[in-house]
């Protein structure tokens, strides 16, 4: 029975990850569409951008102890979210954002993340 439960838990973990990835990609796509100075040029840059955002957020949480949520952690979370949105362009071709676009994008991302059900990746 232990093997069945372990396999089931891993399946749930993978499904949870995929759902978070899809929700994060949707939030990122809407953010890019609504934010001046922020563009993503296709499906794969969007998916890679969502993955990189999640990875950079994970690193921030592990090393800084701060979650990059624009509204959940006040000004520190907001600034960190803007920095992560900006830095992502250096890892993903087809993803570009200006510094002002990253700041506006962090605000838009936070608003959309609060509206869309499910926990986003950032």
Protein backbone atom coordinates (compact mmCIF):
# COMPACT_ATOMS: atom_id res chain seq x y z
CA UNK A 1 0.00 0.00 0.00
CA UNK A 2 2.84 2.43 0.71
CA UNK A 3 3.98 2.33 -2.92
CA UNK A 4 0.47 3.15 -4.15
CA UNK A 5 0.21 6.13 -1.80
CA UNK A 6 3.69 7.39 -2.75
CA UNK A 7 2.86 7.15 -6.46
CA UNK A 8 -0.46 8.87 -5.86
CA UNK A 9 1.22 11.69 -3.89
CA UNK A 10 3.77 12.18 -6.68
CA UNK A 11 0.95 12.33 -9.23
CA UNK A 12 -0.85 14.96 -7.17
CA UNK A 13 2.41 16.93 -6.88
CA UNK A 14 2.89 16.84 -10.65
CA UNK A 15 -0.72 17.82 -11.28
CA UNK A 16 -0.42 20.66 -8.74
CA UNK A 17 2.78 21.87 -10.44
CA UNK A 18 1.14 21.78 -13.89
CA UNK A 19 -1.92 23.66 -12.64
CA UNK A 20 0.29 26.30 -11.03
CA UNK A 21 2.30 26.55 -14.26
CA UNK A 22 -0.84 27.04 -16.37
CA UNK A 23 -2.30 29.60 -13.94
CA UNK A 24 1.05 31.41 -13.78
CA UNK A 25 1.32 31.46 -17.57
CA UNK A 26 -2.22 32.85 -17.90
CA UNK A 27 -1.51 35.56 -15.32
CA UNK A 28 1.78 36.36 -17.06
CA UNK A 29 0.11 36.52 -20.50
CA UNK A 30 -2.63 38.87 -19.30
CA UNK A 31 -0.05 40.99 -17.47
CA UNK A 32 2.08 41.33 -20.61
CA UNK A 33 -1.01 42.16 -22.70
CA UNK A 34 -2.11 44.92 -20.30
CA UNK A 35 1.29 46.40 -19.47
CA UNK A 36 3.00 48.97 -21.70
CA UNK A 37 6.66 48.13 -22.25
CA UNK A 38 6.12 44.41 -21.61
CA UNK A 39 5.83 41.85 -24.40
CA UNK A 40 6.05 38.10 -24.83
CA UNK A 41 6.33 36.95 -28.42
CA UNK A 42 4.79 33.49 -28.37
CA UNK A 43 3.68 30.38 -26.54
CA UNK A 44 7.12 28.97 -25.68
CA UNK A 45 8.55 32.25 -24.36
CA UNK A 46 5.40 32.50 -22.23
CA UNK A 47 5.85 29.00 -20.80
CA UNK A 48 9.60 29.49 -20.27
CA UNK A 49 8.91 32.89 -18.71
CA UNK A 50 6.46 31.33 -16.25
CA UNK A 51 9.03 28.65 -15.35
CA UNK A 52 11.83 31.19 -14.89
CA UNK A 53 9.56 33.42 -12.77
CA UNK A 54 8.76 30.43 -10.56
CA UNK A 55 12.44 29.49 -10.28
CA UNK A 56 13.52 33.03 -9.41
CA UNK A 57 10.73 33.30 -6.83
CA UNK A 58 11.85 29.98 -5.34
CA UNK A 59 15.44 31.28 -5.09
CA UNK A 60 14.23 34.51 -3.48
CA UNK A 61 12.22 32.60 -0.89
CA UNK A 62 15.10 30.22 -0.10
CA UNK A 63 17.89 32.82 0.11
CA UNK A 64 16.09 36.01 1.12
CA UNK A 65 13.11 34.56 2.93
CA UNK A 66 10.81 36.91 0.98
CA UNK A 67 8.01 35.76 -1.29
CA UNK A 68 7.75 37.91 -4.41
CA UNK A 69 4.08 38.74 -4.17
CA UNK A 70 3.25 42.34 -4.99
CA UNK A 71 0.53 42.65 -2.33
CA UNK A 72 1.34 39.89 0.14
CA UNK A 73 4.63 41.27 1.40
CA UNK A 74 4.25 45.01 1.04
CA UNK A 75 6.83 47.17 -0.68
CA UNK A 76 9.57 44.53 -0.39
CA UNK A 77 7.45 41.93 -2.21
CA UNK A 78 6.40 44.50 -4.80
CA UNK A 79 9.99 45.56 -5.56
CA UNK A 80 11.15 41.93 -5.63
CA UNK A 81 8.31 41.03 -8.04
CA UNK A 82 9.33 43.90 -10.36
CA UNK A 83 12.98 42.82 -10.25
CA UNK A 84 12.08 39.20 -11.01
CA UNK A 85 9.85 40.26 -13.93
CA UNK A 86 12.70 42.40 -15.27
CA UNK A 87 15.47 39.81 -14.80
CA UNK A 88 13.45 37.08 -16.54
CA UNK A 89 14.08 38.75 -19.91
CA UNK A 90 17.78 37.83 -19.64
CA UNK A 91 16.89 34.13 -19.49
CA UNK A 92 14.07 33.91 -22.05
CA UNK A 93 14.30 34.89 -25.71
CA UNK A 94 11.08 36.53 -26.89
CA UNK A 95 10.35 38.05 -23.47
CA UNK A 96 11.10 41.74 -23.17
CA UNK A 97 10.24 44.34 -20.58
CA UNK A 98 11.43 47.84 -19.76
CA UNK A 99 12.24 48.85 -16.21
CA UNK A 100 9.02 50.90 -15.99
CA UNK A 101 7.14 48.01 -17.62
CA UNK A 102 8.43 45.68 -14.89
CA UNK A 103 7.18 48.03 -12.17
CA UNK A 104 3.77 48.42 -13.81
CA UNK A 105 3.80 44.68 -14.59
CA UNK A 106 4.34 43.82 -10.91
CA UNK A 107 1.28 45.90 -10.02
CA UNK A 108 -0.84 44.38 -12.81
CA UNK A 109 0.43 40.87 -11.98
CA UNK A 110 -0.58 41.33 -8.35
CA UNK A 111 -4.07 42.53 -9.26
CA UNK A 112 -4.65 39.70 -11.76
CA UNK A 113 -3.18 37.14 -9.38
CA UNK A 114 -5.70 38.27 -6.75
CA UNK A 115 -8.61 37.89 -9.20
CA UNK A 116 -7.74 34.54 -10.84
CA UNK A 117 -8.51 31.60 -8.55
CA UNK A 118 -5.65 29.32 -7.59
CA UNK A 119 -2.21 30.13 -6.33
CA UNK A 120 0.06 31.56 -8.98
CA UNK A 121 3.78 30.75 -9.33
CA UNK A 122 5.05 34.11 -8.32
